[in-house]
Each structure stands twice: as C-alpha cells, then as structure tokens.
Amino acid sequence: MANVFVFGHGEWKPSDGYTVVPAGTSVKFYTEGNKLMSVAFATQLMTGQAPAARSDMEAGAFRSVQNMRLYPAPEFHSDVQQAVQQAGGAAGDIRIVSDAGGVTLQALLEDLKGNDITWIACRALGLKEVNTKIGGAAQRIGGMNVMQR
C-alpha cells in the first residue's frame, strides 16, 4: 500500500454522517475531533519532521469513521509544495483538493482504496455559528474548535 496524504481544510458536519473504510485501506488522523491543525504541523508531517507525531486516530478496513469533508486551502499551497520538495518524494503521494464544495472522506476512500491515507487537515465541527448579545453588541461565541497542533 502507498502512503497518500490528503490536504486541505477539514470539517465534519453531522449531516454528512459516517463512512466505512474499504478493504485494504487505512486512514490516520493527527488531530482529535473538533480540533484544528496548523499548517506548520501539517508540513512537518509530510516531511517526517513532526516531533513525536503519533496519530490521534487510525482506522483500518471496515471501521466506521466520521465522513469528514475536505475543502481547498489555496493559501497554503506554497507551503505544501515546499514540503513536497523537501521530502523529495519520501512523503508519498499528496492529494490537494480543488473542489470548492469540498470532497467527502467517503469519496476520497473510494478513489484511494488500497492505500494508507493520512488526513492532513483540521477536524473542525461544522455547526451553524452562534451570535449573542454581550453588552448590547452582537458577538460571535467561539470555543468549539480549538487549536491542537
């Protein structure tokens, strides 16, 4: 099996549900659910320089996983290209998403079955934003998705 990195902005919407990893395939996540991944850590993973990088979740064949959605991250393409050049092909195949509507993990697993897939993206929880009034002014309330690495 080849190692394939899928890179972009990642999110899970509860309406996308779950999917099952196909036979002969695995998927690794390096962030927990509802956590964000920095581009610095992402490029370290691709070049094999991530300090003590252990996956937070690995799912083999026939395991159920969140049907994450991967969106384009064009603002980080130069960082990814540099990481690929630095790795000199040792990292494996890099897939960069270009579909503005996002691609589900289910579709990626079908396209890449038979490979070890590494999710190089956040695992943000995609809920509707909540606005509230604090002191008479509307403000966004954060705290659900936090930086992990």
Protein backbone atom coordinates (compact mmCIF):
# COMPACT_ATOMS: atom_id res chain seq x y z
CA MET A 1 0.00 0.00 0.00
CA ALA A 2 1.13 3.52 -0.78
CA ASN A 3 1.01 6.37 1.69
CA VAL A 4 -1.31 9.11 0.39
CA PHE A 5 -1.67 12.48 2.10
CA VAL A 6 -4.92 14.38 1.53
CA PHE A 7 -4.54 18.09 2.23
CA GLY A 8 -6.99 20.96 2.64
CA HIS A 9 -9.35 22.47 5.16
CA GLY A 10 -11.22 19.76 7.05
CA GLU A 11 -14.62 19.77 8.70
CA TRP A 12 -17.23 17.29 9.86
CA LYS A 13 -20.88 18.20 9.55
CA PRO A 14 -23.17 15.87 11.48
CA SER A 15 -25.42 15.75 8.39
CA ASP A 16 -22.55 14.06 6.48
CA GLY A 17 -22.71 11.14 8.93
CA TYR A 18 -20.18 8.34 8.95
CA THR A 19 -18.50 6.13 6.38
CA VAL A 20 -16.75 2.75 6.43
CA VAL A 21 -13.10 2.30 5.47
CA PRO A 22 -12.82 -0.10 2.48
CA ALA A 23 -10.88 -3.38 2.48
CA GLY A 24 -7.11 -2.99 2.20
CA THR A 25 -7.30 0.68 3.24
CA SER A 26 -6.50 2.69 6.35
CA VAL A 27 -6.95 6.31 7.36
CA LYS A 28 -4.99 8.25 10.01
CA PHE A 29 -5.97 11.49 11.72
CA TYR A 30 -3.40 13.58 13.58
CA THR A 31 -5.94 15.82 15.29
CA GLU A 32 -8.84 14.91 17.53
CA GLY A 33 -12.42 15.68 16.56
CA ASN A 34 -13.26 19.40 16.93
CA LYS A 35 -9.58 20.31 16.83
CA LEU A 36 -7.56 22.37 14.38
CA MET A 37 -4.19 21.62 12.75
CA SER A 38 -1.61 24.30 11.99
CA VAL A 39 0.00 24.43 8.56
CA ALA A 40 3.39 24.19 10.32
CA PHE A 41 2.46 20.84 11.85
CA ALA A 42 0.94 19.66 8.56
CA THR A 43 4.14 20.32 6.64
CA GLN A 44 6.19 18.67 9.41
CA LEU A 45 4.05 15.55 9.00
CA MET A 46 4.61 15.49 5.25
CA THR A 47 8.37 15.85 5.63
CA GLY A 48 8.69 13.38 8.52
CA GLN A 49 9.86 16.10 10.93
CA ALA A 50 6.84 16.25 13.24
CA PRO A 51 8.04 15.94 16.84
CA ALA A 52 6.72 12.71 18.38
CA ALA A 53 3.94 12.56 15.81
CA ARG A 54 1.53 9.83 16.75
CA SER A 55 -1.83 9.65 15.12
CA ASP A 56 -4.77 10.52 17.34
CA MET A 57 -6.93 8.03 15.48
CA GLU A 58 -6.24 5.30 12.98
CA ALA A 59 -8.98 3.28 11.33
CA GLY A 60 -8.36 0.16 9.32
CA ALA A 61 -10.60 -1.72 6.92
CA PHE A 62 -14.29 -1.99 7.79
CA ARG A 63 -14.07 0.54 10.62
CA SER A 64 -16.59 3.37 10.80
CA VAL A 65 -15.24 6.94 10.81
CA GLN A 66 -16.71 10.42 10.58
CA ASN A 67 -17.40 11.26 6.94
CA MET A 68 -15.15 14.32 7.04
CA ARG A 69 -15.24 16.90 4.25
CA LEU A 70 -12.07 18.32 2.72
CA TYR A 71 -12.10 21.82 1.19
CA PRO A 72 -9.45 23.66 -0.84
CA ALA A 73 -6.75 25.57 1.04
CA PRO A 74 -5.08 27.58 -1.73
CA GLU A 75 -3.49 29.96 0.76
CA PHE A 76 -1.27 27.06 1.90
CA HIS A 77 -0.34 25.58 -1.50
CA SER A 78 3.13 27.14 -1.50
CA ASP A 79 3.80 25.62 1.96
CA VAL A 80 2.68 22.21 0.69
CA GLN A 81 4.78 22.46 -2.49
CA GLN A 82 7.82 23.34 -0.36
CA ALA A 83 7.14 20.37 1.96
CA VAL A 84 6.83 18.03 -1.02
CA GLN A 85 10.14 19.26 -2.46
CA GLN A 86 11.80 18.97 0.95
CA ALA A 87 10.51 15.40 1.38
CA GLY A 88 11.91 14.53 -2.06
CA GLY A 89 9.11 12.06 -2.78
CA ALA A 90 9.66 10.25 0.52
CA ALA A 91 6.38 11.51 1.91
CA GLY A 92 4.25 9.66 -0.60
CA ASP A 93 1.51 10.90 -2.86
CA ILE A 94 -0.02 14.27 -1.97
CA ARG A 95 -3.63 14.99 -2.98
CA ILE A 96 -4.70 18.62 -2.87
CA VAL A 97 -8.42 19.31 -3.06
CA SER A 98 -9.61 21.82 -5.63
CA ASP A 99 -13.40 21.30 -5.47
CA ALA A 100 -14.82 24.43 -3.80
CA GLY A 101 -17.79 22.44 -2.48
CA GLY A 102 -15.50 20.04 -0.71
CA VAL A 103 -14.95 16.32 -1.12
CA THR A 104 -16.21 13.81 1.42
CA LEU A 105 -13.91 11.28 3.03
CA GLN A 106 -16.22 8.60 1.63
CA ALA A 107 -15.45 9.77 -1.93
CA LEU A 108 -11.72 10.00 -1.15
CA LEU A 109 -11.69 6.49 0.34
CA GLU A 110 -13.43 5.12 -2.74
CA ASP A 111 -10.96 6.88 -5.05
CA LEU A 112 -7.90 5.93 -2.98
CA LYS A 113 -8.88 2.46 -1.70
CA GLY A 114 -5.98 0.09 -1.20
CA ASN A 115 -3.78 2.85 0.27
CA ASP A 116 -2.78 4.21 3.67
CA ILE A 117 -4.42 7.63 3.77
CA THR A 118 -3.22 10.41 6.06
CA TRP A 119 -5.69 13.24 6.71
CA ILE A 120 -3.66 16.47 6.70
CA ALA A 121 -6.38 18.89 7.73
CA CYS A 122 -8.36 20.14 10.67
CA ARG A 123 -11.22 18.09 12.05
CA ALA A 124 -13.43 21.09 12.78
CA LEU A 125 -17.02 20.53 13.80
CA GLY A 126 -19.23 22.28 11.26
CA LEU A 127 -22.12 23.71 13.23
CA LYS A 128 -24.00 26.89 12.49
CA GLU A 129 -22.39 29.97 14.02
CA VAL A 130 -23.95 31.28 17.18
CA ASN A 131 -24.25 35.01 17.73
CA THR A 132 -25.21 36.50 21.03
CA LYS A 133 -25.52 39.96 22.52
CA ILE A 134 -22.99 40.90 25.12
CA GLY A 135 -23.31 44.39 26.47
CA GLY A 136 -25.78 45.27 23.70
CA ALA A 137 -23.43 44.34 20.83
CA ALA A 138 -23.69 41.14 18.78
CA GLN A 139 -20.60 38.95 19.13
CA ARG A 140 -19.57 35.54 17.89
CA ILE A 141 -19.02 32.94 20.56
CA GLY A 142 -16.03 30.67 19.97
CA GLY A 143 -14.58 27.75 21.82
CA MET A 144 -15.84 24.67 19.99
CA ASN A 145 -12.96 24.17 17.56
CA VAL A 146 -9.60 24.84 19.18
CA MET A 147 -6.00 24.51 18.01
CA GLN A 148 -4.50 21.17 18.93
CA ARG A 149 -1.23 21.14 16.99
